[in-house]
Amino acid sequence: MRQVKITVLKKHFYADLADAYLTEGKAVGPCPLLEEGDTFTYEGGAEMPPGFCPWAWIDIYRGVSALSAGATYTPWNNRDGMQILCCTDGIRPVIFAIEAIKEKEY
């Protein structure tokens, strides 16, 4: 199994959708749990990295686990061992780069 680096690439916030659909409207703002540039390392064993958003973890875990097991996403991605994923919050989504970085030593 390989370790996987998770990097927060972008955070988006759709204030118009927040006003239309959330009880607190645009006052909720963008995701409060993660910041652009944050990095986390997946060590294996289905363990969420400390400090990571539990909801986003549910959304991206399948891709993280696949990369850890050696999956490849070429020819779709121009770099092997890497994938771009996002959480499913449609009002304030967070976009992640996930990349296999090295074999875990046991």
N, C-alpha and C. Protein backbone atom coordinates (compact mmCIF):
# COMPACT_ATOMS: atom_id res chain seq x y z
N MET A 1 0.85 -1.19 0.00
CA MET A 1 0.00 0.00 0.00
C MET A 1 0.89 1.25 0.00
N ARG A 2 0.43 2.23 -0.74
CA ARG A 2 1.18 3.49 -0.80
C ARG A 2 0.50 4.54 0.06
N GLN A 3 1.29 5.45 0.60
CA GLN A 3 0.73 6.61 1.28
C GLN A 3 0.16 7.53 0.23
N VAL A 4 -0.84 8.33 0.62
CA VAL A 4 -1.48 9.25 -0.32
C VAL A 4 -1.51 10.64 0.30
N LYS A 5 -0.99 11.59 -0.44
CA LYS A 5 -1.01 12.99 -0.01
C LYS A 5 -2.31 13.61 -0.52
N ILE A 6 -3.01 14.31 0.36
CA ILE A 6 -4.25 15.01 0.02
C ILE A 6 -4.00 16.49 0.20
N THR A 7 -4.20 17.27 -0.86
CA THR A 7 -3.98 18.72 -0.82
C THR A 7 -5.27 19.44 -1.17
N VAL A 8 -5.63 20.42 -0.37
CA VAL A 8 -6.80 21.25 -0.69
C VAL A 8 -6.37 22.24 -1.78
N LEU A 9 -6.96 22.11 -2.96
CA LEU A 9 -6.62 23.00 -4.08
C LEU A 9 -7.47 24.26 -4.09
N LYS A 10 -8.77 24.10 -3.94
CA LYS A 10 -9.70 25.24 -4.07
C LYS A 10 -10.88 25.06 -3.14
N LYS A 11 -11.42 26.19 -2.71
CA LYS A 11 -12.69 26.23 -1.99
C LYS A 11 -13.60 27.17 -2.77
N HIS A 12 -14.83 26.74 -2.97
CA HIS A 12 -15.80 27.59 -3.65
C HIS A 12 -16.97 27.85 -2.72
N PHE A 13 -17.68 28.93 -3.00
CA PHE A 13 -18.88 29.25 -2.23
C PHE A 13 -19.87 29.93 -3.15
N TYR A 14 -21.06 29.38 -3.21
CA TYR A 14 -22.12 29.91 -4.06
C TYR A 14 -23.16 30.59 -3.18
N ALA A 15 -22.95 31.89 -2.95
CA ALA A 15 -23.81 32.66 -2.05
C ALA A 15 -25.26 32.67 -2.52
N ASP A 16 -25.49 32.72 -3.83
CA ASP A 16 -26.86 32.73 -4.34
C ASP A 16 -27.59 31.44 -3.99
N LEU A 17 -26.90 30.32 -4.08
CA LEU A 17 -27.51 29.04 -3.70
C LEU A 17 -27.71 28.96 -2.19
N ALA A 18 -26.75 29.49 -1.44
CA ALA A 18 -26.89 29.49 0.02
C ALA A 18 -28.12 30.28 0.43
N ASP A 19 -28.31 31.45 -0.16
CA ASP A 19 -29.49 32.27 0.16
C ASP A 19 -30.78 31.56 -0.22
N ALA A 20 -30.76 30.84 -1.32
CA ALA A 20 -31.97 30.17 -1.78
C ALA A 20 -32.30 28.90 -1.00
N TYR A 21 -31.27 28.21 -0.45
CA TYR A 21 -31.53 26.88 0.09
C TYR A 21 -31.12 26.63 1.54
N LEU A 22 -30.30 27.46 2.12
CA LEU A 22 -29.86 27.21 3.49
C LEU A 22 -30.59 28.12 4.47
N THR A 23 -30.85 27.60 5.64
CA THR A 23 -31.59 28.40 6.63
C THR A 23 -30.82 29.65 7.04
N GLU A 24 -29.51 29.60 7.08
CA GLU A 24 -28.71 30.77 7.43
C GLU A 24 -28.25 31.56 6.21
N GLY A 25 -28.62 31.11 5.03
CA GLY A 25 -28.26 31.82 3.80
C GLY A 25 -26.76 31.96 3.63
N LYS A 26 -26.35 33.06 2.99
CA LYS A 26 -24.93 33.24 2.69
C LYS A 26 -24.09 33.51 3.92
N ALA A 27 -24.73 33.69 5.07
CA ALA A 27 -23.97 33.89 6.30
C ALA A 27 -23.13 32.66 6.67
N VAL A 28 -23.46 31.48 6.11
CA VAL A 28 -22.67 30.29 6.42
C VAL A 28 -21.26 30.38 5.85
N GLY A 29 -21.09 31.07 4.74
CA GLY A 29 -19.78 31.24 4.13
C GLY A 29 -19.20 29.94 3.59
N PRO A 30 -17.96 30.00 3.11
CA PRO A 30 -17.30 28.82 2.56
C PRO A 30 -16.98 27.81 3.67
N CYS A 31 -16.56 26.64 3.28
CA CYS A 31 -16.22 25.58 4.22
C CYS A 31 -15.33 26.12 5.34
N PRO A 32 -15.75 25.94 6.59
CA PRO A 32 -14.96 26.44 7.71
C PRO A 32 -13.89 25.46 8.20
N LEU A 33 -13.88 24.24 7.68
CA LEU A 33 -12.99 23.21 8.21
C LEU A 33 -11.65 23.09 7.50
N LEU A 34 -11.59 23.47 6.23
CA LEU A 34 -10.38 23.30 5.44
C LEU A 34 -10.00 24.60 4.76
N GLU A 35 -8.70 24.77 4.52
CA GLU A 35 -8.19 25.96 3.84
C GLU A 35 -7.36 25.54 2.62
N GLU A 36 -7.38 26.37 1.59
CA GLU A 36 -6.56 26.10 0.41
C GLU A 36 -5.10 25.95 0.85
N GLY A 37 -4.46 24.91 0.34
CA GLY A 37 -3.06 24.65 0.69
C GLY A 37 -2.89 23.66 1.82
N ASP A 38 -3.94 23.37 2.58
CA ASP A 38 -3.85 22.36 3.64
C ASP A 38 -3.43 21.03 3.02
N THR A 39 -2.59 20.27 3.72
CA THR A 39 -2.20 18.94 3.25
C THR A 39 -2.40 17.92 4.36
N PHE A 40 -2.70 16.71 3.95
CA PHE A 40 -2.94 15.60 4.86
C PHE A 40 -2.31 14.36 4.23
N THR A 41 -1.94 13.39 5.06
CA THR A 41 -1.37 12.15 4.54
C THR A 41 -2.21 10.97 5.00
N TYR A 42 -2.64 10.19 4.03
CA TYR A 42 -3.37 8.94 4.30
C TYR A 42 -2.33 7.85 4.48
N GLU A 43 -2.39 7.19 5.63
CA GLU A 43 -1.42 6.15 5.96
C GLU A 43 -1.94 4.75 5.70
N GLY A 44 -3.23 4.60 5.41
CA GLY A 44 -3.81 3.29 5.16
C GLY A 44 -4.80 2.89 6.24
N GLY A 45 -5.35 1.71 6.07
CA GLY A 45 -6.25 1.17 7.07
C GLY A 45 -7.59 1.87 7.19
N ALA A 46 -8.01 2.58 6.17
CA ALA A 46 -9.29 3.32 6.15
C ALA A 46 -9.35 4.40 7.22
N GLU A 47 -8.22 4.76 7.81
CA GLU A 47 -8.17 5.79 8.85
C GLU A 47 -8.14 7.18 8.20
N MET A 48 -9.10 8.01 8.59
CA MET A 48 -9.14 9.39 8.11
C MET A 48 -7.94 10.13 8.72
N PRO A 49 -7.22 10.93 7.92
CA PRO A 49 -6.11 11.70 8.47
C PRO A 49 -6.61 12.66 9.56
N PRO A 50 -5.84 12.84 10.62
CA PRO A 50 -6.23 13.77 11.68
C PRO A 50 -6.50 15.17 11.14
N GLY A 51 -7.59 15.78 11.60
CA GLY A 51 -7.94 17.14 11.20
C GLY A 51 -8.70 17.25 9.90
N PHE A 52 -8.92 16.13 9.23
CA PHE A 52 -9.63 16.17 7.95
C PHE A 52 -11.13 16.22 8.19
N CYS A 53 -11.87 16.77 7.23
CA CYS A 53 -13.33 16.86 7.33
C CYS A 53 -13.97 15.48 7.16
N PRO A 54 -14.77 15.02 8.14
CA PRO A 54 -15.37 13.69 8.01
C PRO A 54 -16.31 13.54 6.83
N TRP A 55 -17.02 14.59 6.47
CA TRP A 55 -17.94 14.52 5.33
C TRP A 55 -17.16 14.42 4.03
N ALA A 56 -16.12 15.22 3.89
CA ALA A 56 -15.28 15.14 2.69
C ALA A 56 -14.58 13.79 2.61
N TRP A 57 -14.20 13.23 3.76
CA TRP A 57 -13.55 11.93 3.77
C TRP A 57 -14.45 10.85 3.16
N ILE A 58 -15.72 10.88 3.52
CA ILE A 58 -16.67 9.93 2.95
C ILE A 58 -16.71 10.07 1.43
N ASP A 59 -16.65 11.31 0.95
CA ASP A 59 -16.74 11.58 -0.48
C ASP A 59 -15.50 11.14 -1.26
N ILE A 60 -14.31 11.30 -0.70
CA ILE A 60 -13.09 11.03 -1.48
C ILE A 60 -12.40 9.72 -1.11
N TYR A 61 -12.86 9.05 -0.07
CA TYR A 61 -12.15 7.86 0.41
C TYR A 61 -11.95 6.80 -0.68
N ARG A 62 -12.94 6.56 -1.50
CA ARG A 62 -12.81 5.53 -2.55
C ARG A 62 -11.61 5.82 -3.45
N GLY A 63 -11.45 7.08 -3.86
CA GLY A 63 -10.32 7.45 -4.71
C GLY A 63 -9.00 7.36 -3.99
N VAL A 64 -8.97 7.78 -2.73
CA VAL A 64 -7.75 7.70 -1.93
C VAL A 64 -7.33 6.24 -1.76
N SER A 65 -8.28 5.40 -1.43
CA SER A 65 -8.01 3.98 -1.23
C SER A 65 -7.51 3.32 -2.52
N ALA A 66 -8.11 3.69 -3.64
CA ALA A 66 -7.70 3.13 -4.93
C ALA A 66 -6.26 3.51 -5.26
N LEU A 67 -5.90 4.79 -5.07
CA LEU A 67 -4.52 5.20 -5.33
C LEU A 67 -3.56 4.50 -4.39
N SER A 68 -3.95 4.34 -3.15
CA SER A 68 -3.10 3.65 -2.19
C SER A 68 -2.83 2.21 -2.63
N ALA A 69 -3.80 1.61 -3.28
CA ALA A 69 -3.66 0.23 -3.75
C ALA A 69 -2.99 0.12 -5.12
N GLY A 70 -2.63 1.27 -5.72
CA GLY A 70 -1.90 1.24 -6.98
C GLY A 70 -2.70 1.57 -8.22
N ALA A 71 -3.91 2.10 -8.06
CA ALA A 71 -4.73 2.45 -9.23
C ALA A 71 -4.03 3.49 -10.09
N THR A 72 -4.38 3.49 -11.36
CA THR A 72 -3.86 4.48 -12.29
C THR A 72 -5.03 5.19 -12.97
N TYR A 73 -4.87 6.45 -13.26
CA TYR A 73 -5.94 7.20 -13.92
C TYR A 73 -5.48 7.77 -15.26
N THR A 74 -4.40 7.21 -15.80
CA THR A 74 -4.02 7.58 -17.15
C THR A 74 -4.84 6.71 -18.10
N PRO A 75 -5.25 7.17 -19.21
CA PRO A 75 -4.85 8.39 -19.90
C PRO A 75 -5.70 9.62 -19.55
N TRP A 76 -6.60 9.53 -18.59
CA TRP A 76 -7.47 10.66 -18.26
C TRP A 76 -6.70 11.79 -17.59
N ASN A 77 -5.77 11.46 -16.72
CA ASN A 77 -4.95 12.48 -16.06
C ASN A 77 -3.57 12.50 -16.69
N ASN A 78 -2.94 13.66 -16.70
CA ASN A 78 -1.63 13.75 -17.33
C ASN A 78 -0.50 13.36 -16.38
N ARG A 79 -0.83 13.04 -15.13
CA ARG A 79 0.16 12.54 -14.18
C ARG A 79 -0.36 11.25 -13.56
N ASP A 80 0.39 10.19 -13.69
CA ASP A 80 -0.02 8.92 -13.10
C ASP A 80 0.08 9.00 -11.58
N GLY A 81 -0.79 8.27 -10.90
CA GLY A 81 -0.77 8.27 -9.44
C GLY A 81 -1.39 9.50 -8.83
N MET A 82 -2.22 10.20 -9.59
CA MET A 82 -2.84 11.42 -9.10
C MET A 82 -4.27 11.51 -9.61
N GLN A 83 -5.13 12.12 -8.81
CA GLN A 83 -6.52 12.33 -9.21
C GLN A 83 -7.02 13.61 -8.53
N ILE A 84 -7.95 14.30 -9.18
CA ILE A 84 -8.60 15.47 -8.61
C ILE A 84 -10.02 15.07 -8.23
N LEU A 85 -10.39 15.30 -6.96
CA LEU A 85 -11.70 14.94 -6.44
C LEU A 85 -12.27 16.11 -5.66
N CYS A 86 -13.56 16.04 -5.33
CA CYS A 86 -14.15 17.09 -4.50
C CYS A 86 -15.20 16.50 -3.57
N CYS A 87 -15.51 17.27 -2.55
CA CYS A 87 -16.59 16.85 -1.66
C CYS A 87 -17.92 17.15 -2.37
N THR A 88 -18.99 16.60 -1.86
CA THR A 88 -20.28 16.74 -2.54
C THR A 88 -21.13 17.88 -2.01
N ASP A 89 -20.55 18.80 -1.27
CA ASP A 89 -21.30 19.97 -0.82
C ASP A 89 -21.48 20.88 -2.02
N GLY A 90 -22.69 20.95 -2.54
CA GLY A 90 -22.95 21.72 -3.76
C GLY A 90 -22.96 23.22 -3.56
N ILE A 91 -22.99 23.69 -2.33
CA ILE A 91 -23.01 25.12 -2.07
C ILE A 91 -21.63 25.65 -1.70
N ARG A 92 -20.84 24.82 -1.03
CA ARG A 92 -19.47 25.23 -0.67
C ARG A 92 -18.50 24.07 -0.85
N PRO A 93 -18.32 23.63 -2.10
CA PRO A 93 -17.45 22.49 -2.37
C PRO A 93 -15.97 22.81 -2.16
N VAL A 94 -15.24 21.75 -1.83
CA VAL A 94 -13.78 21.83 -1.68
C VAL A 94 -13.19 20.83 -2.67
N ILE A 95 -12.17 21.26 -3.40
CA ILE A 95 -11.53 20.44 -4.42
C ILE A 95 -10.16 19.99 -3.92
N PHE A 96 -9.87 18.70 -4.10
CA PHE A 96 -8.65 18.10 -3.59
C PHE A 96 -7.81 17.49 -4.70
N ALA A 97 -6.48 17.60 -4.56
CA ALA A 97 -5.56 16.79 -5.36
C ALA A 97 -5.14 15.65 -4.45
N ILE A 98 -5.26 14.43 -4.96
CA ILE A 98 -4.77 13.28 -4.20
C ILE A 98 -3.69 12.62 -5.03
N GLU A 99 -2.57 12.28 -4.37
CA GLU A 99 -1.48 11.66 -5.12
C GLU A 99 -0.75 10.63 -4.26
N ALA A 100 -0.49 9.50 -4.88
CA ALA A 100 0.30 8.46 -4.22
C ALA A 100 1.72 8.97 -4.08
N ILE A 101 2.29 8.85 -2.87
CA ILE A 101 3.61 9.44 -2.68
C ILE A 101 4.72 8.43 -2.39
N LYS A 102 4.44 7.37 -1.64
CA LYS A 102 5.48 6.38 -1.39
C LYS A 102 4.87 5.14 -0.75
N GLU A 103 5.62 4.08 -0.80
CA GLU A 103 5.20 2.84 -0.15
C GLU A 103 5.25 3.04 1.36
N LYS A 104 4.23 2.54 2.04
CA LYS A 104 4.23 2.59 3.50
C LYS A 104 5.13 1.48 4.01
N GLU A 105 5.99 1.85 4.95
CA GLU A 105 6.88 0.86 5.57
C GLU A 105 6.16 0.22 6.74
N TYR A 106 6.20 -1.09 6.80
CA TYR A 106 5.53 -1.81 7.89
C TYR A 106 6.53 -2.31 8.89
